[in-house]
Protein backbone atom coordinates (compact mmCIF):
# COMPACT_ATOMS: atom_id res chain seq x y z
CA MET A 1 -12.90 0.07 -0.13
CA THR A 2 -14.60 1.91 -2.92
CA ALA A 3 -15.46 0.35 -6.25
CA GLN A 4 -12.14 1.03 -8.01
CA THR A 5 -10.93 -1.14 -10.85
CA ILE A 6 -8.48 -3.51 -9.18
CA SER A 7 -5.76 -4.75 -11.52
CA HIS A 8 -3.77 -6.75 -8.96
CA THR A 9 -4.60 -8.25 -5.57
CA LEU A 10 -1.82 -9.05 -3.14
CA ASP A 11 -2.69 -11.23 -0.15
CA THR A 12 0.05 -10.97 2.46
CA THR A 13 -2.01 -12.29 5.38
CA GLY A 14 0.13 -14.19 7.86
CA LEU A 15 3.38 -12.63 6.59
CA ILE A 16 5.50 -10.30 8.68
CA CYS A 17 7.92 -7.50 7.87
CA PRO A 18 9.70 -7.32 5.46
CA GLU A 19 7.79 -9.88 3.36
CA PRO A 20 4.65 -7.78 2.60
CA ILE A 21 6.78 -4.91 1.27
CA MET A 22 9.01 -7.26 -0.74
CA LEU A 23 5.94 -8.80 -2.40
CA LEU A 24 4.43 -5.36 -2.98
CA HIS A 25 7.63 -4.22 -4.67
CA LYS A 26 7.47 -7.26 -6.99
CA THR A 27 3.78 -6.60 -7.80
CA ILE A 28 4.44 -2.90 -8.46
CA ARG A 29 7.17 -3.81 -10.96
CA GLN A 30 4.70 -6.03 -12.85
CA ALA A 31 1.93 -3.40 -12.84
CA LYS A 32 1.47 -0.72 -15.47
CA SER A 33 1.31 2.98 -14.62
CA GLY A 34 -2.11 3.91 -13.24
CA GLU A 35 -3.12 0.36 -12.34
CA HIS A 36 -4.58 -0.27 -8.90
CA ILE A 37 -3.17 -2.80 -6.46
CA LYS A 38 -5.26 -4.06 -3.54
CA ILE A 39 -3.25 -5.35 -0.57
CA LEU A 40 -4.53 -7.47 2.31
CA ALA A 41 -2.28 -7.73 5.36
CA THR A 42 -2.31 -8.82 8.99
CA ASP A 43 1.06 -7.34 10.00
CA PRO A 44 0.52 -4.08 11.93
CA ALA A 45 3.89 -2.84 10.61
CA THR A 46 2.23 -2.38 7.20
CA THR A 47 0.39 0.66 8.62
CA ARG A 48 3.78 2.36 8.65
CA ASP A 49 5.59 0.53 5.85
CA ILE A 50 3.05 0.79 3.01
CA PRO A 51 2.47 4.58 3.33
CA ASN A 52 6.26 5.08 3.50
CA PHE A 53 6.75 2.82 0.44
CA CYS A 54 4.25 4.91 -1.52
CA ARG A 55 5.66 8.24 -0.36
CA HIS A 56 9.27 7.34 -1.18
CA LEU A 57 8.54 5.75 -4.57
CA GLY A 58 5.84 8.16 -5.73
CA HIS A 59 2.87 5.78 -5.79
CA GLU A 60 -0.52 6.97 -4.53
CA LEU A 61 -2.09 5.39 -1.47
CA LEU A 62 -5.75 5.76 -2.42
CA GLU A 63 -7.32 4.03 0.57
CA HIS A 64 -6.42 2.24 3.75
CA SER A 65 -8.68 0.69 6.35
CA GLN A 66 -8.71 -1.87 9.11
CA GLU A 67 -11.31 -4.52 9.87
CA GLY A 68 -10.40 -6.42 13.01
CA GLU A 69 -6.86 -7.69 12.50
CA MET A 70 -7.03 -7.29 8.70
CA TYR A 71 -5.56 -4.24 6.98
CA HIS A 72 -6.73 -3.19 3.52
CA TYR A 73 -4.81 -0.90 1.16
CA LEU A 74 -5.43 0.38 -2.34
CA ILE A 75 -2.48 1.81 -4.26
CA ALA A 76 -2.26 3.41 -7.70
CA LYS A 77 1.07 2.86 -9.44
CA LYS A 78 2.71 6.10 -10.58
């Protein structure tokens, strides 16, 4: 992950679909436009679900990476 200003961090490790997306939706509602949300996840389904969430709702997926079984995402709220 690059050195972006992170406004919110969402740790969904150990949770499985649909919980990470439900928590992301709640965090997005609390965030202001342009704020960055960092998400940590262990559910492989997030590799499909988070990009789809961003695409359908207009948020920008800035970064995504995987380290072992941990997935990292950085989203900018529209």
